Amino acid sequence: MSNMASEPCGAATVLVVDDEPAVRELFARVLPGEGYRVVTAASGSEAVAVALRVRPELMLLDLAMPGMDGVAALRELRRLGHQGAVVVLTARATVSSARETMLLGAFEYLSKPFDLDLLTSVLRQAIEEIRDGARAEQCAS
């Protein structure tokens, strides 16, 4: 079941997808302090359901999960039209998974263990690109 953390006003929503409870809990504690609203999912299939309901602007996605893995979840989300930015976090980084997730539109691919400062910087960059793109679309219409 997804967990909703504190909700800063006007905050971007980040969906944290990881089968490790400690990882989900870490982000649920840390990211609201960086100005994000956090929702969590423990599996790829739960991530798809939560993302379709919540429409997060950003997603932190683990790749190695039981059942539907992160690559399959990302593929399904893209097939369903979800365009949020995805940052892949994995302890099992491979060239093929990096290539596949980037072809599916991942914003960044990071290895675990990760540097929290680097990750928050990547999230800021991703949200800036998303919001700049949305403004450009509004101006064009």
N, C-alpha and C. Protein backbone atom coordinates (compact mmCIF):
# COMPACT_ATOMS: atom_id res chain seq x y z
N MET A 1 0.84 -1.17 0.00
CA MET A 1 0.00 0.00 0.00
C MET A 1 0.89 1.24 0.00
N SER A 2 0.49 2.27 -0.71
CA SER A 2 1.29 3.48 -0.78
C SER A 2 1.17 4.26 0.51
N ASN A 3 2.22 5.01 0.79
CA ASN A 3 2.27 5.80 2.00
C ASN A 3 2.42 7.25 1.61
N MET A 4 1.57 8.11 2.15
CA MET A 4 1.66 9.53 1.87
C MET A 4 2.41 10.19 3.01
N ALA A 5 3.46 10.92 2.71
CA ALA A 5 4.22 11.64 3.72
C ALA A 5 3.70 13.07 3.77
N SER A 6 4.37 13.91 4.54
CA SER A 6 3.93 15.28 4.67
C SER A 6 3.89 15.96 3.30
N GLU A 7 3.06 16.99 3.20
CA GLU A 7 2.74 17.57 1.90
C GLU A 7 2.99 19.07 1.87
N PRO A 8 4.21 19.50 1.52
CA PRO A 8 4.46 20.93 1.40
C PRO A 8 3.59 21.54 0.30
N CYS A 9 3.12 22.76 0.53
CA CYS A 9 2.25 23.43 -0.43
C CYS A 9 2.98 23.64 -1.76
N GLY A 10 2.34 23.28 -2.87
CA GLY A 10 2.92 23.47 -4.19
C GLY A 10 4.08 22.54 -4.49
N ALA A 11 4.25 21.54 -3.67
CA ALA A 11 5.39 20.64 -3.81
C ALA A 11 5.19 19.68 -4.96
N ALA A 12 6.30 19.33 -5.60
CA ALA A 12 6.27 18.27 -6.60
C ALA A 12 6.09 16.95 -5.87
N THR A 13 5.34 16.05 -6.49
CA THR A 13 5.14 14.73 -5.90
C THR A 13 6.19 13.78 -6.44
N VAL A 14 6.84 13.05 -5.52
CA VAL A 14 7.84 12.05 -5.86
C VAL A 14 7.30 10.70 -5.44
N LEU A 15 7.24 9.77 -6.39
CA LEU A 15 6.88 8.39 -6.09
C LEU A 15 8.18 7.61 -5.90
N VAL A 16 8.37 7.07 -4.70
CA VAL A 16 9.56 6.27 -4.37
C VAL A 16 9.16 4.81 -4.49
N VAL A 17 9.83 4.08 -5.39
CA VAL A 17 9.51 2.68 -5.65
C VAL A 17 10.72 1.83 -5.31
N ASP A 18 10.60 1.06 -4.23
CA ASP A 18 11.70 0.19 -3.81
C ASP A 18 11.11 -0.91 -2.94
N ASP A 19 11.59 -2.13 -3.12
CA ASP A 19 11.08 -3.23 -2.31
C ASP A 19 11.69 -3.25 -0.91
N GLU A 20 12.69 -2.42 -0.66
CA GLU A 20 13.32 -2.34 0.65
C GLU A 20 12.63 -1.26 1.49
N PRO A 21 11.95 -1.66 2.58
CA PRO A 21 11.25 -0.67 3.42
C PRO A 21 12.17 0.44 3.92
N ALA A 22 13.42 0.12 4.26
CA ALA A 22 14.34 1.14 4.79
C ALA A 22 14.60 2.25 3.76
N VAL A 23 14.66 1.89 2.48
CA VAL A 23 14.89 2.89 1.43
C VAL A 23 13.66 3.78 1.30
N ARG A 24 12.48 3.17 1.27
CA ARG A 24 11.24 3.97 1.18
C ARG A 24 11.12 4.91 2.38
N GLU A 25 11.42 4.39 3.58
CA GLU A 25 11.32 5.21 4.79
C GLU A 25 12.32 6.36 4.79
N LEU A 26 13.54 6.10 4.31
CA LEU A 26 14.55 7.15 4.23
C LEU A 26 14.05 8.31 3.38
N PHE A 27 13.56 8.00 2.19
CA PHE A 27 13.08 9.06 1.30
C PHE A 27 11.83 9.74 1.85
N ALA A 28 10.96 8.99 2.51
CA ALA A 28 9.75 9.58 3.10
C ALA A 28 10.11 10.56 4.21
N ARG A 29 11.26 10.34 4.87
CA ARG A 29 11.72 11.26 5.92
C ARG A 29 12.48 12.45 5.34
N VAL A 30 13.34 12.21 4.36
CA VAL A 30 14.26 13.23 3.88
C VAL A 30 13.65 14.16 2.84
N LEU A 31 12.94 13.63 1.87
CA LEU A 31 12.49 14.45 0.74
C LEU A 31 11.48 15.55 1.10
N PRO A 32 10.57 15.35 2.06
CA PRO A 32 9.71 16.49 2.42
C PRO A 32 10.50 17.70 2.91
N GLY A 33 11.63 17.47 3.56
CA GLY A 33 12.49 18.57 3.98
C GLY A 33 13.13 19.30 2.82
N GLU A 34 13.17 18.66 1.66
CA GLU A 34 13.69 19.28 0.44
C GLU A 34 12.57 19.91 -0.39
N GLY A 35 11.34 19.84 0.15
CA GLY A 35 10.20 20.48 -0.52
C GLY A 35 9.36 19.58 -1.39
N TYR A 36 9.48 18.26 -1.24
CA TYR A 36 8.72 17.32 -2.06
C TYR A 36 7.62 16.64 -1.25
N ARG A 37 6.56 16.30 -1.91
CA ARG A 37 5.51 15.44 -1.37
C ARG A 37 5.93 14.03 -1.76
N VAL A 38 5.88 13.07 -0.85
CA VAL A 38 6.37 11.73 -1.10
C VAL A 38 5.24 10.71 -1.00
N VAL A 39 5.19 9.83 -2.00
CA VAL A 39 4.30 8.69 -2.03
C VAL A 39 5.20 7.49 -2.28
N THR A 40 4.89 6.34 -1.68
CA THR A 40 5.76 5.18 -1.85
C THR A 40 5.01 3.99 -2.42
N ALA A 41 5.78 3.10 -3.03
CA ALA A 41 5.28 1.82 -3.53
C ALA A 41 6.37 0.79 -3.32
N ALA A 42 5.97 -0.45 -3.01
CA ALA A 42 6.92 -1.51 -2.69
C ALA A 42 7.20 -2.45 -3.85
N SER A 43 6.55 -2.24 -4.99
CA SER A 43 6.75 -3.14 -6.13
C SER A 43 6.46 -2.40 -7.43
N GLY A 44 6.86 -3.02 -8.52
CA GLY A 44 6.59 -2.42 -9.83
C GLY A 44 5.10 -2.32 -10.12
N SER A 45 4.35 -3.36 -9.81
CA SER A 45 2.90 -3.33 -10.09
C SER A 45 2.21 -2.29 -9.22
N GLU A 46 2.62 -2.17 -7.96
CA GLU A 46 2.04 -1.14 -7.10
C GLU A 46 2.41 0.25 -7.62
N ALA A 47 3.63 0.39 -8.12
CA ALA A 47 4.07 1.68 -8.67
C ALA A 47 3.19 2.12 -9.84
N VAL A 48 2.85 1.18 -10.71
CA VAL A 48 2.00 1.52 -11.85
C VAL A 48 0.64 2.01 -11.36
N ALA A 49 0.05 1.29 -10.42
CA ALA A 49 -1.27 1.68 -9.88
C ALA A 49 -1.21 3.04 -9.20
N VAL A 50 -0.20 3.25 -8.36
CA VAL A 50 -0.08 4.51 -7.64
C VAL A 50 0.19 5.66 -8.62
N ALA A 51 1.08 5.45 -9.58
CA ALA A 51 1.41 6.51 -10.54
C ALA A 51 0.20 6.92 -11.37
N LEU A 52 -0.63 5.98 -11.74
CA LEU A 52 -1.81 6.32 -12.53
C LEU A 52 -2.83 7.10 -11.69
N ARG A 53 -2.85 6.84 -10.39
CA ARG A 53 -3.78 7.53 -9.51
C ARG A 53 -3.25 8.90 -9.09
N VAL A 54 -1.96 8.99 -8.74
CA VAL A 54 -1.39 10.20 -8.16
C VAL A 54 -0.75 11.12 -9.20
N ARG A 55 -0.28 10.56 -10.32
CA ARG A 55 0.41 11.30 -11.38
C ARG A 55 1.61 12.09 -10.85
N PRO A 56 2.61 11.39 -10.28
CA PRO A 56 3.77 12.10 -9.74
C PRO A 56 4.59 12.77 -10.83
N GLU A 57 5.17 13.90 -10.49
CA GLU A 57 6.06 14.57 -11.43
C GLU A 57 7.40 13.84 -11.52
N LEU A 58 7.80 13.21 -10.42
CA LEU A 58 9.08 12.53 -10.34
C LEU A 58 8.90 11.13 -9.77
N MET A 59 9.77 10.23 -10.19
CA MET A 59 9.76 8.88 -9.64
C MET A 59 11.19 8.43 -9.39
N LEU A 60 11.43 7.89 -8.20
CA LEU A 60 12.68 7.21 -7.89
C LEU A 60 12.38 5.74 -8.00
N LEU A 61 13.03 5.06 -8.92
CA LEU A 61 12.65 3.70 -9.27
C LEU A 61 13.80 2.72 -9.12
N ASP A 62 13.61 1.75 -8.22
CA ASP A 62 14.56 0.64 -8.09
C ASP A 62 14.31 -0.31 -9.25
N LEU A 63 15.33 -0.99 -9.71
CA LEU A 63 15.14 -1.94 -10.82
C LEU A 63 14.89 -3.35 -10.35
N ALA A 64 15.67 -3.82 -9.37
CA ALA A 64 15.59 -5.22 -8.94
C ALA A 64 14.54 -5.37 -7.84
N MET A 65 13.35 -5.81 -8.25
CA MET A 65 12.25 -6.05 -7.31
C MET A 65 11.57 -7.34 -7.71
N PRO A 66 11.01 -8.06 -6.72
CA PRO A 66 10.27 -9.27 -7.07
C PRO A 66 9.03 -8.94 -7.89
N GLY A 67 8.59 -9.88 -8.69
CA GLY A 67 7.42 -9.63 -9.54
C GLY A 67 7.80 -8.71 -10.68
N MET A 68 7.00 -7.68 -10.89
CA MET A 68 7.28 -6.71 -11.96
C MET A 68 8.49 -5.87 -11.55
N ASP A 69 9.58 -5.99 -12.29
CA ASP A 69 10.78 -5.22 -11.95
C ASP A 69 10.64 -3.78 -12.43
N GLY A 70 11.64 -2.97 -12.12
CA GLY A 70 11.58 -1.55 -12.46
C GLY A 70 11.53 -1.27 -13.95
N VAL A 71 12.25 -2.04 -14.74
CA VAL A 71 12.22 -1.83 -16.19
C VAL A 71 10.82 -2.12 -16.73
N ALA A 72 10.22 -3.21 -16.30
CA ALA A 72 8.87 -3.56 -16.75
C ALA A 72 7.87 -2.50 -16.29
N ALA A 73 8.02 -2.00 -15.07
CA ALA A 73 7.13 -0.95 -14.57
C ALA A 73 7.27 0.32 -15.39
N LEU A 74 8.50 0.71 -15.69
CA LEU A 74 8.72 1.91 -16.50
C LEU A 74 8.15 1.72 -17.90
N ARG A 75 8.37 0.57 -18.49
CA ARG A 75 7.82 0.29 -19.82
C ARG A 75 6.29 0.41 -19.81
N GLU A 76 5.65 -0.16 -18.77
CA GLU A 76 4.18 -0.11 -18.68
C GLU A 76 3.69 1.32 -18.45
N LEU A 77 4.36 2.06 -17.61
CA LEU A 77 3.96 3.45 -17.37
C LEU A 77 4.06 4.28 -18.65
N ARG A 78 5.11 4.10 -19.40
CA ARG A 78 5.25 4.84 -20.66
C ARG A 78 4.17 4.42 -21.65
N ARG A 79 3.88 3.12 -21.70
CA ARG A 79 2.81 2.63 -22.59
C ARG A 79 1.47 3.27 -22.24
N LEU A 80 1.25 3.51 -20.95
CA LEU A 80 0.00 4.09 -20.47
C LEU A 80 0.00 5.62 -20.53
N GLY A 81 1.11 6.20 -21.01
CA GLY A 81 1.16 7.65 -21.21
C GLY A 81 1.72 8.46 -20.07
N HIS A 82 2.25 7.81 -19.04
CA HIS A 82 2.83 8.57 -17.93
C HIS A 82 4.15 9.20 -18.38
N GLN A 83 4.25 10.52 -18.22
CA GLN A 83 5.43 11.24 -18.71
C GLN A 83 6.30 11.82 -17.61
N GLY A 84 6.04 11.50 -16.34
CA GLY A 84 6.85 12.03 -15.25
C GLY A 84 8.31 11.64 -15.39
N ALA A 85 9.18 12.43 -14.79
CA ALA A 85 10.62 12.15 -14.82
C ALA A 85 10.92 10.95 -13.93
N VAL A 86 11.81 10.09 -14.38
CA VAL A 86 12.18 8.89 -13.64
C VAL A 86 13.68 8.90 -13.40
N VAL A 87 14.04 8.75 -12.12
CA VAL A 87 15.43 8.57 -11.74
C VAL A 87 15.56 7.13 -11.27
N VAL A 88 16.38 6.37 -11.96
CA VAL A 88 16.60 4.97 -11.64
C VAL A 88 17.69 4.88 -10.58
N LEU A 89 17.41 4.10 -9.53
CA LEU A 89 18.38 3.81 -8.48
C LEU A 89 18.53 2.30 -8.41
N THR A 90 19.73 1.81 -8.57
CA THR A 90 19.89 0.35 -8.55
C THR A 90 21.22 -0.06 -7.94
N ALA A 91 21.19 -1.18 -7.23
CA ALA A 91 22.42 -1.77 -6.69
C ALA A 91 23.05 -2.70 -7.71
N ARG A 92 22.31 -3.00 -8.77
CA ARG A 92 22.78 -3.95 -9.80
C ARG A 92 22.87 -3.26 -11.16
N ALA A 93 23.68 -2.23 -11.21
CA ALA A 93 23.81 -1.46 -12.45
C ALA A 93 24.48 -2.29 -13.53
N THR A 94 23.87 -2.26 -14.72
CA THR A 94 24.46 -2.90 -15.89
C THR A 94 24.31 -1.95 -17.07
N VAL A 95 25.15 -2.13 -18.05
CA VAL A 95 25.06 -1.31 -19.25
C VAL A 95 23.71 -1.53 -19.93
N SER A 96 23.26 -2.77 -20.01
CA SER A 96 22.00 -3.05 -20.71
C SER A 96 20.80 -2.43 -19.99
N SER A 97 20.77 -2.49 -18.64
CA SER A 97 19.63 -1.88 -17.94
C SER A 97 19.70 -0.36 -18.03
N ALA A 98 20.90 0.19 -17.98
CA ALA A 98 21.03 1.64 -18.14
C ALA A 98 20.53 2.07 -19.51
N ARG A 99 20.95 1.35 -20.53
CA ARG A 99 20.54 1.68 -21.90
C ARG A 99 19.03 1.56 -22.06
N GLU A 100 18.47 0.46 -21.55
CA GLU A 100 17.03 0.25 -21.71
C GLU A 100 16.21 1.31 -20.98
N THR A 101 16.60 1.65 -19.75
CA THR A 101 15.83 2.66 -19.02
C THR A 101 15.98 4.04 -19.65
N MET A 102 17.16 4.35 -20.16
CA MET A 102 17.34 5.65 -20.81
C MET A 102 16.53 5.71 -22.11
N LEU A 103 16.45 4.61 -22.84
CA LEU A 103 15.61 4.57 -24.05
C LEU A 103 14.13 4.73 -23.70
N LEU A 104 13.76 4.32 -22.50
CA LEU A 104 12.38 4.49 -22.04
C LEU A 104 12.15 5.87 -21.43
N GLY A 105 13.17 6.71 -21.50
CA GLY A 105 13.00 8.09 -21.07
C GLY A 105 13.40 8.39 -19.64
N ALA A 106 14.18 7.52 -19.00
CA ALA A 106 14.64 7.83 -17.65
C ALA A 106 15.47 9.11 -17.69
N PHE A 107 15.32 9.93 -16.69
CA PHE A 107 16.05 11.19 -16.59
C PHE A 107 17.49 10.94 -16.18
N GLU A 108 17.69 9.99 -15.27
CA GLU A 108 19.03 9.70 -14.75
C GLU A 108 19.06 8.26 -14.27
N TYR A 109 20.25 7.70 -14.22
CA TYR A 109 20.48 6.32 -13.79
C TYR A 109 21.61 6.36 -12.77
N LEU A 110 21.29 6.07 -11.50
CA LEU A 110 22.27 6.15 -10.43
C LEU A 110 22.45 4.81 -9.74
N SER A 111 23.66 4.54 -9.31
CA SER A 111 23.96 3.30 -8.60
C SER A 111 23.82 3.48 -7.09
N LYS A 112 23.33 2.42 -6.43
CA LYS A 112 23.33 2.38 -4.97
C LYS A 112 24.67 1.81 -4.54
N PRO A 113 25.23 2.23 -3.44
CA PRO A 113 24.72 3.31 -2.60
C PRO A 113 24.89 4.65 -3.30
N PHE A 114 23.98 5.56 -3.05
CA PHE A 114 23.97 6.84 -3.73
C PHE A 114 24.34 7.94 -2.74
N ASP A 115 24.78 9.05 -3.28
CA ASP A 115 25.07 10.24 -2.50
C ASP A 115 23.79 11.06 -2.44
N LEU A 116 23.29 11.32 -1.23
CA LEU A 116 22.02 12.03 -1.07
C LEU A 116 22.06 13.44 -1.66
N ASP A 117 23.19 14.13 -1.54
CA ASP A 117 23.31 15.47 -2.13
C ASP A 117 23.21 15.41 -3.65
N LEU A 118 23.87 14.42 -4.25
CA LEU A 118 23.78 14.25 -5.70
C LEU A 118 22.34 13.95 -6.11
N LEU A 119 21.70 13.06 -5.37
CA LEU A 119 20.32 12.69 -5.70
C LEU A 119 19.38 13.89 -5.60
N THR A 120 19.48 14.69 -4.55
CA THR A 120 18.59 15.85 -4.44
C THR A 120 18.89 16.87 -5.54
N SER A 121 20.14 16.97 -5.95
CA SER A 121 20.49 17.85 -7.07
C SER A 121 19.85 17.35 -8.37
N VAL A 122 19.90 16.04 -8.60
CA VAL A 122 19.28 15.45 -9.79
C VAL A 122 17.77 15.68 -9.76
N LEU A 123 17.14 15.53 -8.60
CA LEU A 123 15.70 15.77 -8.49
C LEU A 123 15.35 17.21 -8.81
N ARG A 124 16.16 18.14 -8.31
CA ARG A 124 15.92 19.56 -8.62
C ARG A 124 16.03 19.82 -10.12
N GLN A 125 17.06 19.24 -10.75
CA GLN A 125 17.22 19.40 -12.20
C GLN A 125 16.02 18.84 -12.95
N ALA A 126 15.57 17.67 -12.53
CA ALA A 126 14.44 17.02 -13.21
C ALA A 126 13.18 17.86 -13.09
N ILE A 127 12.89 18.37 -11.90
CA ILE A 127 11.67 19.15 -11.72
C ILE A 127 11.76 20.47 -12.48
N GLU A 128 12.94 21.07 -12.55
CA GLU A 128 13.10 22.29 -13.35
C GLU A 128 12.81 22.02 -14.82
N GLU A 129 13.32 20.92 -15.34
CA GLU A 129 13.06 20.57 -16.75
C GLU A 129 11.58 20.32 -16.99
N ILE A 130 10.94 19.61 -16.07
CA ILE A 130 9.51 19.32 -16.21
C ILE A 130 8.71 20.62 -16.22
N ARG A 131 8.99 21.47 -15.26
CA ARG A 131 8.22 22.72 -15.14
C ARG A 131 8.55 23.69 -16.28
N ASP A 132 9.80 23.72 -16.74
CA ASP A 132 10.13 24.54 -17.90
C ASP A 132 9.40 24.05 -19.13
N GLY A 133 9.33 22.74 -19.31
CA GLY A 133 8.60 22.14 -20.44
C GLY A 133 7.13 22.45 -20.39
N ALA A 134 6.54 22.41 -19.19
CA ALA A 134 5.12 22.71 -19.04
C ALA A 134 4.84 24.18 -19.37
N ARG A 135 5.74 25.07 -18.93
CA ARG A 135 5.57 26.49 -19.26
C ARG A 135 5.68 26.72 -20.76
N ALA A 136 6.62 26.04 -21.40
CA ALA A 136 6.80 26.20 -22.85
C ALA A 136 5.55 25.72 -23.58
N GLU A 137 4.96 24.62 -23.12
CA GLU A 137 3.72 24.11 -23.76
C GLU A 137 2.59 25.12 -23.60
N GLN A 138 2.47 25.72 -22.40
CA GLN A 138 1.42 26.70 -22.17
C GLN A 138 1.59 27.92 -23.06
N CYS A 139 2.84 28.36 -23.24
CA CYS A 139 3.11 29.54 -24.06
C CYS A 139 2.84 29.25 -25.54
N ALA A 140 3.07 28.01 -25.97
CA ALA A 140 2.89 27.64 -27.37
C ALA A 140 1.42 27.50 -27.73
N SER A 141 0.58 27.26 -26.74
CA SER A 141 -0.85 27.04 -27.07
C SER A 141 -1.67 28.31 -27.00
